[in-house]
């Protein structure tokens, strides 16, 4: 599971066997979420508080290009 970012107590990562569309998983303690990068659509949120989820979406917006580059770096080489 490659970790992309760790900010504000939120870990942004991919699982090693992912699928399109490009998305990122977010973990905070025992809570987790999944967000599609292009649309910022929250696929699921299991327990991450609203303010923390808002912050996660802001991080995704700020680091969108880096997240996409990491996705391609990891999955295009498999």
C-alpha atoms as a PDB file:
ATOM      1  CA  UNK A   1       0.000   0.000   0.000  1.00  0.00           C
ATOM      2  CA  UNK A   2       1.957   3.011  -1.179  1.00  0.00           C
ATOM      3  CA  UNK A   3       1.405   6.059   1.025  1.00  0.00           C
ATOM      4  CA  UNK A   4       1.192   9.232  -1.046  1.00  0.00           C
ATOM      5  CA  UNK A   5       0.841  11.854   1.685  1.00  0.00           C
ATOM      6  CA  UNK A   6       0.504  12.063   5.427  1.00  0.00           C
ATOM      7  CA  UNK A   7      -0.897  15.441   6.513  1.00  0.00           C
ATOM      8  CA  UNK A   8      -3.057  16.649   9.399  1.00  0.00           C
ATOM      9  CA  UNK A   9      -3.292  13.118  10.788  1.00  0.00           C
ATOM     10  CA  UNK A  10      -4.697  11.867   7.474  1.00  0.00           C
ATOM     11  CA  UNK A  11      -2.920   9.206   5.442  1.00  0.00           C
ATOM     12  CA  UNK A  12      -3.547   9.251   1.688  1.00  0.00           C
ATOM     13  CA  UNK A  13      -2.701   5.991  -0.062  1.00  0.00           C
ATOM     14  CA  UNK A  14      -3.413   3.468  -2.806  1.00  0.00           C
ATOM     15  CA  UNK A  15      -3.926  -0.246  -2.445  1.00  0.00           C
ATOM     16  CA  UNK A  16      -1.527  -2.295  -4.551  1.00  0.00           C
ATOM     17  CA  UNK A  17      -4.307  -3.782  -6.725  1.00  0.00           C
ATOM     18  CA  UNK A  18      -6.269  -0.675  -7.710  1.00  0.00           C
ATOM     19  CA  UNK A  19      -8.592   0.108 -10.619  1.00  0.00           C
ATOM     20  CA  UNK A  20      -9.719   3.139 -12.564  1.00  0.00           C
ATOM     21  CA  UNK A  21     -10.948   5.811 -12.128  1.00  0.00           C
ATOM     22  CA  UNK A  22      -7.984   7.300 -10.300  1.00  0.00           C
ATOM     23  CA  UNK A  23      -8.842   7.582  -6.635  1.00  0.00           C
ATOM     24  CA  UNK A  24      -7.183   7.740  -3.254  1.00  0.00           C
ATOM     25  CA  UNK A  25      -7.953   6.118   0.068  1.00  0.00           C
ATOM     26  CA  UNK A  26      -7.781   8.174   3.239  1.00  0.00           C
ATOM     27  CA  UNK A  27      -7.196   6.772   6.685  1.00  0.00           C
ATOM     28  CA  UNK A  28      -7.449   8.449  10.063  1.00  0.00           C
ATOM     29  CA  UNK A  29      -7.073   6.021  12.926  1.00  0.00           C
ATOM     30  CA  UNK A  30      -9.750   3.357  12.477  1.00  0.00           C
ATOM     31  CA  UNK A  31     -11.763   5.554  10.082  1.00  0.00           C
ATOM     32  CA  UNK A  32     -11.395   5.605   6.320  1.00  0.00           C
ATOM     33  CA  UNK A  33     -12.728   7.078   3.111  1.00  0.00           C
ATOM     34  CA  UNK A  34     -12.273   6.834  -0.647  1.00  0.00           C
ATOM     35  CA  UNK A  35     -12.318   9.815  -3.024  1.00  0.00           C
ATOM     36  CA  UNK A  36     -12.271   9.920  -6.824  1.00  0.00           C
ATOM     37  CA  UNK A  37      -9.614  12.430  -7.836  1.00  0.00           C
ATOM     38  CA  UNK A  38     -11.106  13.984 -10.994  1.00  0.00           C
ATOM     39  CA  UNK A  39     -14.547  14.691  -9.529  1.00  0.00           C
ATOM     40  CA  UNK A  40     -13.630  14.921  -5.821  1.00  0.00           C
ATOM     41  CA  UNK A  41     -16.579  12.566  -5.294  1.00  0.00           C
ATOM     42  CA  UNK A  42     -16.536  10.845  -1.920  1.00  0.00           C
ATOM     43  CA  UNK A  43     -17.141   7.196  -2.784  1.00  0.00           C
ATOM     44  CA  UNK A  44     -17.485   6.282   0.885  1.00  0.00           C
ATOM     45  CA  UNK A  45     -16.677   7.747   4.272  1.00  0.00           C
ATOM     46  CA  UNK A  46     -16.577   5.481   7.260  1.00  0.00           C
ATOM     47  CA  UNK A  47     -16.186   7.717  10.275  1.00  0.00           C
ATOM     48  CA  UNK A  48     -13.977  10.624   9.189  1.00  0.00           C
ATOM     49  CA  UNK A  49     -15.493  13.782  10.662  1.00  0.00           C
ATOM     50  CA  UNK A  50     -16.914  16.437   8.338  1.00  0.00           C
ATOM     51  CA  UNK A  51     -14.185  19.013   9.043  1.00  0.00           C
ATOM     52  CA  UNK A  52     -11.439  16.426   8.535  1.00  0.00           C
ATOM     53  CA  UNK A  53     -13.062  15.246   5.311  1.00  0.00           C
ATOM     54  CA  UNK A  54     -13.244  18.842   4.085  1.00  0.00           C
ATOM     55  CA  UNK A  55      -9.536  19.197   4.858  1.00  0.00           C
ATOM     56  CA  UNK A  56      -8.826  15.934   3.003  1.00  0.00           C
ATOM     57  CA  UNK A  57     -10.623  17.273  -0.083  1.00  0.00           C
ATOM     58  CA  UNK A  58      -8.561  20.469   0.127  1.00  0.00           C
ATOM     59  CA  UNK A  59      -5.358  18.400   0.299  1.00  0.00           C
ATOM     60  CA  UNK A  60      -6.485  16.396  -2.734  1.00  0.00           C
ATOM     61  CA  UNK A  61      -7.132  19.613  -4.645  1.00  0.00           C
ATOM     62  CA  UNK A  62      -3.709  21.004  -3.726  1.00  0.00           C
ATOM     63  CA  UNK A  63      -1.841  17.802  -4.538  1.00  0.00           C
ATOM     64  CA  UNK A  64      -3.960  16.521  -7.431  1.00  0.00           C
ATOM     65  CA  UNK A  65      -1.103  16.498  -9.948  1.00  0.00           C
ATOM     66  CA  UNK A  66       1.229  14.724  -7.535  1.00  0.00           C
ATOM     67  CA  UNK A  67      -1.397  12.103  -6.700  1.00  0.00           C
ATOM     68  CA  UNK A  68      -2.061  11.416 -10.380  1.00  0.00           C
ATOM     69  CA  UNK A  69       1.676  11.241 -11.107  1.00  0.00           C
ATOM     70  CA  UNK A  70       2.184   8.772  -8.237  1.00  0.00           C
ATOM     71  CA  UNK A  71      -0.740   6.673  -9.532  1.00  0.00           C
ATOM     72  CA  UNK A  72       0.830   6.427 -12.979  1.00  0.00           C
ATOM     73  CA  UNK A  73       4.307   5.867 -11.572  1.00  0.00           C
ATOM     74  CA  UNK A  74       3.053   2.942  -9.494  1.00  0.00           C
ATOM     75  CA  UNK A  75       0.403   1.319 -11.684  1.00  0.00           C
ATOM     76  CA  UNK A  76       1.806   1.919 -15.162  1.00  0.00           C
ATOM     77  CA  UNK A  77       4.944   0.003 -14.179  1.00  0.00           C
ATOM     78  CA  UNK A  78       3.088  -3.121 -13.012  1.00  0.00           C
END
